[in-house]
PDB file of N, CA and C in Angstrom:
ATOM      1  N   MET A   1       7.843  12.722 -71.591  1.00  0.00           N
ATOM      2  CA  MET A   1       7.716  12.661 -73.132  1.00  0.00           C
ATOM      3  C   MET A   1       7.691  14.564 -73.621  1.00  0.00           C
ATOM      4  N   ILE A   2       6.662  14.812 -72.509  1.00  0.00           N
ATOM      5  CA  ILE A   2       6.576  16.449 -73.075  1.00  0.00           C
ATOM      6  C   ILE A   2       7.732  17.245 -73.512  1.00  0.00           C
ATOM      7  N   GLU A   3       8.686  16.980 -72.311  1.00  0.00           N
ATOM      8  CA  GLU A   3       9.839  17.529 -71.960  1.00  0.00           C
ATOM      9  C   GLU A   3      10.600  17.417 -73.350  1.00  0.00           C
ATOM     10  N   ALA A   4      10.667  16.501 -74.000  1.00  0.00           N
ATOM     11  CA  ALA A   4      11.337  15.716 -75.184  1.00  0.00           C
ATOM     12  C   ALA A   4      11.129  16.658 -76.227  1.00  0.00           C
ATOM     13  N   LEU A   5      10.005  17.402 -76.287  1.00  0.00           N
ATOM     14  CA  LEU A   5       9.396  17.800 -77.529  1.00  0.00           C
ATOM     15  C   LEU A   5       9.801  19.176 -77.413  1.00  0.00           C
ATOM     16  N   GLU A   6      10.000  19.678 -78.687  1.00  0.00           N
ATOM     17  CA  GLU A   6      10.821  20.877 -78.579  1.00  0.00           C
ATOM     18  C   GLU A   6       9.913  22.278 -79.101  1.00  0.00           C
ATOM     19  N   ASP A   7       8.745  21.517 -79.822  1.00  0.00           N
ATOM     20  CA  ASP A   7       7.447  22.543 -79.978  1.00  0.00           C
ATOM     21  C   ASP A   7       6.728  22.896 -78.571  1.00  0.00           C
ATOM     22  N   GLU A   8       6.190  23.983 -78.785  1.00  0.00           N
ATOM     23  CA  GLU A   8       5.159  24.056 -77.475  1.00  0.00           C
ATOM     24  C   GLU A   8       4.031  23.516 -77.479  1.00  0.00           C
ATOM     25  N   VAL A   9       3.670  22.592 -76.210  1.00  0.00           N
ATOM     26  CA  VAL A   9       2.750  21.652 -76.398  1.00  0.00           C
ATOM     27  C   VAL A   9       1.688  22.285 -75.450  1.00  0.00           C
ATOM     28  N   GLU A  10       0.363  21.805 -76.021  1.00  0.00           N
ATOM     29  CA  GLU A  10      -0.843  22.534 -75.130  1.00  0.00           C
ATOM     30  C   GLU A  10      -0.968  21.653 -73.929  1.00  0.00           C
ATOM     31  N   SER A  11      -1.393  22.037 -73.017  1.00  0.00           N
ATOM     32  CA  SER A  11      -1.305  21.244 -71.726  1.00  0.00           C
ATOM     33  C   SER A  11      -2.574  21.083 -71.359  1.00  0.00           C
ATOM     34  N   VAL A  12      -2.975  20.029 -70.613  1.00  0.00           N
ATOM     35  CA  VAL A  12      -4.145  19.232 -70.298  1.00  0.00           C
ATOM     36  C   VAL A  12      -4.395  19.018 -68.845  1.00  0.00           C
ATOM     37  N   SER A  13      -5.345  19.682 -68.246  1.00  0.00           N
ATOM     38  CA  SER A  13      -5.741  19.494 -66.858  1.00  0.00           C
ATOM     39  C   SER A  13      -5.939  18.269 -66.368  1.00  0.00           C
ATOM     40  N   PHE A  14      -5.587  17.862 -65.336  1.00  0.00           N
ATOM     41  CA  PHE A  14      -6.077  16.616 -64.247  1.00  0.00           C
ATOM     42  C   PHE A  14      -7.570  16.173 -64.683  1.00  0.00           C
ATOM     43  N   SER A  15      -8.241  17.120 -64.482  1.00  0.00           N
ATOM     44  CA  SER A  15      -9.772  16.870 -64.570  1.00  0.00           C
ATOM     45  C   SER A  15     -10.239  16.512 -65.979  1.00  0.00           C
ATOM     46  N   GLU A  16      -9.590  16.823 -66.948  1.00  0.00           N
ATOM     47  CA  GLU A  16      -9.991  16.819 -68.436  1.00  0.00           C
ATOM     48  C   GLU A  16      -9.273  15.129 -69.089  1.00  0.00           C
ATOM     49  N   VAL A  17      -8.068  15.011 -68.080  1.00  0.00           N
ATOM     50  CA  VAL A  17      -7.526  13.432 -67.982  1.00  0.00           C
ATOM     51  C   VAL A  17      -8.477  12.705 -67.638  1.00  0.00           C
ATOM     52  N   GLU A  18      -8.738  13.001 -66.269  1.00  0.00           N
ATOM     53  CA  GLU A  18      -9.837  12.338 -65.762  1.00  0.00           C
ATOM     54  C   GLU A  18     -11.243  11.819 -66.323  1.00  0.00           C
ATOM     55  N   GLN A  19     -11.958  12.788 -66.514  1.00  0.00           N
ATOM     56  CA  GLN A  19     -12.799  12.531 -67.484  1.00  0.00           C
ATOM     57  C   GLN A  19     -12.749  11.880 -68.741  1.00  0.00           C
ATOM     58  N   SER A  20     -11.753  11.883 -69.381  1.00  0.00           N
ATOM     59  CA  SER A  20     -11.233  11.096 -70.241  1.00  0.00           C
ATOM     60  C   SER A  20     -11.349   9.684 -70.464  1.00  0.00           C
ATOM     61  N   LEU A  21     -10.462   9.333 -68.994  1.00  0.00           N
ATOM     62  CA  LEU A  21     -10.559   7.887 -68.698  1.00  0.00           C
ATOM     63  C   LEU A  21     -11.849   7.197 -68.004  1.00  0.00           C
ATOM     64  N   ILE A  22     -12.577   8.064 -67.488  1.00  0.00           N
ATOM     65  CA  ILE A  22     -14.038   7.754 -67.382  1.00  0.00           C
ATOM     66  C   ILE A  22     -14.450   7.271 -68.427  1.00  0.00           C
ATOM     67  N   THR A  23     -15.025   8.263 -69.086  1.00  0.00           N
ATOM     68  CA  THR A  23     -15.547   8.192 -70.648  1.00  0.00           C
ATOM     69  C   THR A  23     -15.079   6.946 -71.399  1.00  0.00           C
ATOM     70  N   ILE A  24     -13.796   6.680 -71.281  1.00  0.00           N
ATOM     71  CA  ILE A  24     -13.028   4.994 -71.974  1.00  0.00           C
ATOM     72  C   ILE A  24     -13.453   3.937 -71.276  1.00  0.00           C
ATOM     73  N   LEU A  25     -13.380   3.997 -69.704  1.00  0.00           N
ATOM     74  CA  LEU A  25     -13.844   2.987 -69.108  1.00  0.00           C
ATOM     75  C   LEU A  25     -15.215   2.405 -69.104  1.00  0.00           C
ATOM     76  N   ARG A  26     -16.096   3.356 -69.509  1.00  0.00           N
ATOM     77  CA  ARG A  26     -17.637   3.102 -69.260  1.00  0.00           C
ATOM     78  C   ARG A  26     -18.315   2.767 -70.639  1.00  0.00           C
ATOM     79  N   LYS A  27     -17.088   3.255 -71.421  1.00  0.00           N
ATOM     80  CA  LYS A  27     -17.514   2.439 -73.173  1.00  0.00           C
ATOM     81  C   LYS A  27     -16.752   1.093 -73.260  1.00  0.00           C
ATOM     82  N   TRP A  28     -15.878   0.809 -72.769  1.00  0.00           N
ATOM     83  CA  TRP A  28     -15.124  -0.569 -72.826  1.00  0.00           C
ATOM     84  C   TRP A  28     -15.228  -1.490 -71.769  1.00  0.00           C
ATOM     85  N   SER A  29     -15.731  -0.981 -70.800  1.00  0.00           N
ATOM     86  CA  SER A  29     -15.577  -2.070 -69.566  1.00  0.00           C
ATOM     87  C   SER A  29     -16.949  -2.966 -69.483  1.00  0.00           C
ATOM     88  N   ASP A  30     -16.940  -4.073 -68.985  1.00  0.00           N
ATOM     89  CA  ASP A  30     -17.894  -5.112 -69.006  1.00  0.00           C
ATOM     90  C   ASP A  30     -18.440  -4.774 -67.755  1.00  0.00           C
ATOM     91  N   ALA A  31     -18.117  -4.057 -66.721  1.00  0.00           N
ATOM     92  CA  ALA A  31     -18.464  -4.468 -65.336  1.00  0.00           C
ATOM     93  C   ALA A  31     -19.683  -3.193 -65.173  1.00  0.00           C
ATOM     94  N   SER A  32     -19.983  -2.452 -66.121  1.00  0.00           N
ATOM     95  CA  SER A  32     -21.078  -1.251 -65.879  1.00  0.00           C
ATOM     96  C   SER A  32     -22.266  -1.737 -66.421  1.00  0.00           C
ATOM     97  N   SER A  33     -22.554  -2.957 -67.069  1.00  0.00           N
ATOM     98  CA  SER A  33     -23.811  -3.123 -67.284  1.00  0.00           C
ATOM     99  C   SER A  33     -24.386  -4.229 -65.972  1.00  0.00           C
ATOM    100  N   VAL A  34     -25.466  -3.583 -66.196  1.00  0.00           N
ATOM    101  CA  VAL A  34     -26.462  -4.378 -64.945  1.00  0.00           C
ATOM    102  C   VAL A  34     -27.425  -5.413 -65.364  1.00  0.00           C
ATOM    103  N   ILE A  35     -27.592  -6.727 -65.010  1.00  0.00           N
ATOM    104  CA  ILE A  35     -28.151  -7.615 -65.478  1.00  0.00           C
ATOM    105  C   ILE A  35     -29.273  -7.988 -64.170  1.00  0.00           C
ATOM    106  N   PRO A  36     -30.506  -7.967 -64.623  1.00  0.00           N
ATOM    107  CA  PRO A  36     -31.602  -8.154 -63.821  1.00  0.00           C
ATOM    108  C   PRO A  36     -31.879  -9.780 -63.455  1.00  0.00           C
ATOM    109  N   ILE A  37     -31.934 -10.107 -62.255  1.00  0.00           N
ATOM    110  CA  ILE A  37     -31.798 -11.543 -61.856  1.00  0.00           C
ATOM    111  C   ILE A  37     -33.134 -12.144 -62.441  1.00  0.00           C
ATOM    112  N   ALA A  38     -33.137 -13.301 -63.020  1.00  0.00           N
ATOM    113  CA  ALA A  38     -34.260 -13.976 -63.135  1.00  0.00           C
ATOM    114  C   ALA A  38     -35.597 -14.125 -62.335  1.00  0.00           C
ATOM    115  N   ASP A  39     -36.905 -14.084 -63.046  1.00  0.00           N
ATOM    116  CA  ASP A  39     -37.851 -13.885 -61.856  1.00  0.00           C
ATOM    117  C   ASP A  39     -37.887 -15.158 -60.773  1.00  0.00           C
ATOM    118  N   LYS A  40     -37.701 -16.498 -61.558  1.00  0.00           N
ATOM    119  CA  LYS A  40     -37.667 -17.756 -60.591  1.00  0.00           C
ATOM    120  C   LYS A  40     -36.493 -17.708 -59.794  1.00  0.00           C
ATOM    121  N   TRP A  41     -35.550 -16.687 -59.690  1.00  0.00           N
ATOM    122  CA  TRP A  41     -34.712 -16.522 -58.547  1.00  0.00           C
ATOM    123  C   TRP A  41     -35.077 -15.803 -57.442  1.00  0.00           C
ATOM    124  N   ARG A  42     -35.844 -14.996 -57.771  1.00  0.00           N
ATOM    125  CA  ARG A  42     -36.458 -13.967 -56.811  1.00  0.00           C
ATOM    126  C   ARG A  42     -37.227 -14.241 -55.388  1.00  0.00           C
ATOM    127  N   GLY A  43     -36.270 -13.808 -54.241  1.00  0.00           N
ATOM    128  CA  GLY A  43     -37.107 -14.485 -53.057  1.00  0.00           C
ATOM    129  C   GLY A  43     -36.534 -15.691 -52.529  1.00  0.00           C
ATOM    130  N   SER A  44     -35.435 -16.455 -53.368  1.00  0.00           N
ATOM    131  CA  SER A  44     -34.529 -17.253 -53.180  1.00  0.00           C
ATOM    132  C   SER A  44     -33.743 -17.651 -52.141  1.00  0.00           C
ATOM    133  N   SER A  45     -33.309 -18.562 -51.469  1.00  0.00           N
ATOM    134  CA  SER A  45     -32.235 -18.496 -50.818  1.00  0.00           C
ATOM    135  C   SER A  45     -31.295 -19.765 -51.091  1.00  0.00           C
ATOM    136  N   LEU A  46     -30.014 -19.592 -50.668  1.00  0.00           N
ATOM    137  CA  LEU A  46     -29.021 -20.730 -50.962  1.00  0.00           C
ATOM    138  C   LEU A  46     -29.009 -21.223 -49.602  1.00  0.00           C
ATOM    139  N   ILE A  47     -28.696 -22.578 -49.486  1.00  0.00           N
ATOM    140  CA  ILE A  47     -28.531 -23.283 -48.356  1.00  0.00           C
ATOM    141  C   ILE A  47     -27.338 -24.033 -48.418  1.00  0.00           C
ATOM    142  N   LEU A  48     -26.085 -23.784 -47.532  1.00  0.00           N
ATOM    143  CA  LEU A  48     -24.851 -24.043 -47.628  1.00  0.00           C
ATOM    144  C   LEU A  48     -24.786 -25.366 -46.527  1.00  0.00           C
ATOM    145  N   ARG A  49     -24.584 -26.466 -46.840  1.00  0.00           N
ATOM    146  CA  ARG A  49     -24.237 -27.993 -46.234  1.00  0.00           C
ATOM    147  C   ARG A  49     -23.094 -28.181 -45.910  1.00  0.00           C
ATOM    148  N   PRO A  50     -22.480 -28.116 -44.870  1.00  0.00           N
ATOM    149  CA  PRO A  50     -20.918 -28.268 -44.833  1.00  0.00           C
ATOM    150  C   PRO A  50     -20.689 -29.928 -45.009  1.00  0.00           C
ATOM    151  N   GLY A  51     -19.458 -30.840 -45.340  1.00  0.00           N
ATOM    152  CA  GLY A  51     -19.163 -31.970 -45.264  1.00  0.00           C
ATOM    153  C   GLY A  51     -19.282 -32.975 -43.931  1.00  0.00           C
ATOM    154  N   ASP A  52     -19.288 -31.780 -42.776  1.00  0.00           N
ATOM    155  CA  ASP A  52     -19.042 -32.718 -41.521  1.00  0.00           C
ATOM    156  C   ASP A  52     -20.811 -32.460 -40.990  1.00  0.00           C
ATOM    157  N   ASP A  53     -21.203 -33.714 -40.622  1.00  0.00           N
ATOM    158  CA  ASP A  53     -22.458 -33.590 -40.540  1.00  0.00           C
ATOM    159  C   ASP A  53     -22.910 -33.066 -38.962  1.00  0.00           C
ATOM    160  N   ASN A  54     -21.687 -33.037 -38.220  1.00  0.00           N
ATOM    161  CA  ASN A  54     -21.629 -32.349 -37.008  1.00  0.00           C
ATOM    162  C   ASN A  54     -22.024 -30.475 -36.640  1.00  0.00           C
ATOM    163  N   LEU A  55     -21.842 -30.052 -38.109  1.00  0.00           N
ATOM    164  CA  LEU A  55     -22.063 -28.460 -38.432  1.00  0.00           C
ATOM    165  C   LEU A  55     -23.239 -28.506 -38.669  1.00  0.00           C
ATOM    166  N   ALA A  56     -23.827 -27.287 -38.192  1.00  0.00           N
ATOM    167  CA  ALA A  56     -25.070 -26.666 -39.081  1.00  0.00           C
ATOM    168  C   ALA A  56     -25.255 -26.295 -40.258  1.00  0.00           C
ATOM    169  N   ASP A  57     -26.226 -26.428 -41.113  1.00  0.00           N
ATOM    170  CA  ASP A  57     -26.481 -25.538 -42.368  1.00  0.00           C
ATOM    171  C   ASP A  57     -26.489 -24.260 -42.406  1.00  0.00           C
ATOM    172  N   LYS A  58     -26.251 -23.613 -43.357  1.00  0.00           N
ATOM    173  CA  LYS A  58     -26.167 -22.148 -43.404  1.00  0.00           C
ATOM    174  C   LYS A  58     -27.224 -21.541 -44.791  1.00  0.00           C
ATOM    175  N   GLU A  59     -28.235 -20.911 -44.285  1.00  0.00           N
ATOM    176  CA  GLU A  59     -28.978 -20.406 -45.202  1.00  0.00           C
ATOM    177  C   GLU A  59     -28.877 -18.924 -45.120  1.00  0.00           C
ATOM    178  N   ILE A  60     -28.874 -18.226 -46.739  1.00  0.00           N
ATOM    179  CA  ILE A  60     -28.649 -17.081 -46.673  1.00  0.00           C
ATOM    180  C   ILE A  60     -29.292 -16.368 -48.050  1.00  0.00           C
ATOM    181  N   SER A  61     -30.028 -15.569 -48.253  1.00  0.00           N
ATOM    182  CA  SER A  61     -30.809 -14.940 -49.368  1.00  0.00           C
ATOM    183  C   SER A  61     -29.914 -14.966 -50.827  1.00  0.00           C
ATOM    184  N   ILE A  62     -30.273 -15.204 -51.898  1.00  0.00           N
ATOM    185  CA  ILE A  62     -29.748 -14.945 -53.065  1.00  0.00           C
ATOM    186  C   ILE A  62     -29.324 -13.979 -53.169  1.00  0.00           C
ATOM    187  N   ASP A  63     -30.010 -12.652 -53.004  1.00  0.00           N
ATOM    188  CA  ASP A  63     -29.415 -11.234 -53.064  1.00  0.00           C
ATOM    189  C   ASP A  63     -28.025 -11.475 -52.245  1.00  0.00           C
ATOM    190  N   THR A  64     -28.255 -11.399 -50.882  1.00  0.00           N
ATOM    191  CA  THR A  64     -27.151 -11.302 -50.026  1.00  0.00           C
ATOM    192  C   THR A  64     -25.639 -11.776 -50.613  1.00  0.00           C
ATOM    193  N   PHE A  65     -26.204 -13.312 -51.087  1.00  0.00           N
ATOM    194  CA  PHE A  65     -24.796 -13.720 -51.495  1.00  0.00           C
ATOM    195  C   PHE A  65     -24.125 -13.324 -52.642  1.00  0.00           C
ATOM    196  N   PHE A  66     -24.915 -12.725 -53.814  1.00  0.00           N
ATOM    197  CA  PHE A  66     -24.041 -11.960 -54.783  1.00  0.00           C
ATOM    198  C   PHE A  66     -23.718 -10.680 -54.382  1.00  0.00           C
ATOM    199  N   HIS A  67     -24.298 -10.059 -53.404  1.00  0.00           N
ATOM    200  CA  HIS A  67     -23.746  -8.541 -53.048  1.00  0.00           C
ATOM    201  C   HIS A  67     -22.709  -8.825 -52.248  1.00  0.00           C
ATOM    202  N   LYS A  68     -22.348 -10.242 -51.371  1.00  0.00           N
ATOM    203  CA  LYS A  68     -21.076 -10.356 -51.028  1.00  0.00           C
ATOM    204  C   LYS A  68     -20.007 -10.496 -52.106  1.00  0.00           C
ATOM    205  N   ILE A  69     -20.526 -11.320 -52.971  1.00  0.00           N
ATOM    206  CA  ILE A  69     -19.357 -11.313 -54.245  1.00  0.00           C
ATOM    207  C   ILE A  69     -18.814 -10.253 -54.945  1.00  0.00           C
ATOM    208  N   LEU A  70     -20.058  -9.048 -54.501  1.00  0.00           N
ATOM    209  CA  LEU A  70     -19.582  -7.908 -55.482  1.00  0.00           C
ATOM    210  C   LEU A  70     -18.720  -7.077 -54.505  1.00  0.00           C
ATOM    211  N   VAL A  71     -19.136  -7.176 -52.947  1.00  0.00           N
ATOM    212  CA  VAL A  71     -18.171  -6.414 -51.891  1.00  0.00           C
ATOM    213  C   VAL A  71     -16.642  -7.035 -52.162  1.00  0.00           C
ATOM    214  N   VAL A  72     -16.528  -8.555 -52.422  1.00  0.00           N
ATOM    215  CA  VAL A  72     -15.272  -9.098 -52.247  1.00  0.00           C
ATOM    216  C   VAL A  72     -14.494  -8.819 -53.445  1.00  0.00           C
ATOM    217  N   ARG A  73     -15.251  -8.426 -54.837  1.00  0.00           N
ATOM    218  CA  ARG A  73     -14.623  -7.991 -56.233  1.00  0.00           C
ATOM    219  C   ARG A  73     -14.059  -6.745 -55.806  1.00  0.00           C
ATOM    220  N   ASP A  74     -14.723  -5.764 -55.539  1.00  0.00           N
ATOM    221  CA  ASP A  74     -14.554  -4.139 -55.297  1.00  0.00           C
ATOM    222  C   ASP A  74     -13.764  -3.995 -54.262  1.00  0.00           C
ATOM    223  N   ARG A  75     -13.375  -4.903 -53.421  1.00  0.00           N
ATOM    224  CA  ARG A  75     -12.364  -4.409 -52.354  1.00  0.00           C
ATOM    225  C   ARG A  75     -10.754  -4.072 -53.026  1.00  0.00           C
ATOM    226  N   PRO A  76     -10.414  -4.858 -53.777  1.00  0.00           N
ATOM    227  CA  PRO A  76      -9.178  -4.924 -54.408  1.00  0.00           C
ATOM    228  C   PRO A  76      -8.964  -3.451 -55.405  1.00  0.00           C
ATOM    229  N   ARG A  77     -10.150  -3.016 -55.836  1.00  0.00           N
ATOM    230  CA  ARG A  77     -10.569  -2.049 -56.481  1.00  0.00           C
ATOM    231  C   ARG A  77      -9.929  -0.575 -55.784  1.00  0.00           C
ATOM    232  N   VAL A  78     -10.384  -0.819 -54.749  1.00  0.00           N
ATOM    233  CA  VAL A  78     -10.651   0.305 -53.693  1.00  0.00           C
ATOM    234  C   VAL A  78      -9.073   0.333 -53.419  1.00  0.00           C
ATOM    235  N   MET A  79      -8.161  -0.842 -52.654  1.00  0.00           N
ATOM    236  CA  MET A  79      -7.073  -0.467 -51.843  1.00  0.00           C
ATOM    237  C   MET A  79      -6.259  -0.177 -53.456  1.00  0.00           C
ATOM    238  N   GLU A  80      -6.266  -0.065 -54.574  1.00  0.00           N
ATOM    239  CA  GLU A  80      -5.184   0.173 -55.477  1.00  0.00           C
ATOM    240  C   GLU A  80      -5.314   1.637 -55.582  1.00  0.00           C
TER     241      GLU A  80
END
């Protein structure tokens, strides 16, 4: 596009483009807001019971559970 213009074009540095993109993403992204967990769930744990009675239950803290969800969500972003 820039080469097709006949008039002289003001150049933009990569860092300026990067800062503009960061500003836009922060303004319009819904992932940047931090919502605190409800007090009734603090210190709670999840118990996962498998359908097979021969297998043991798995108990994990609710904080660990949500942290694992966020890690799974963020991994594809890193791979991009």
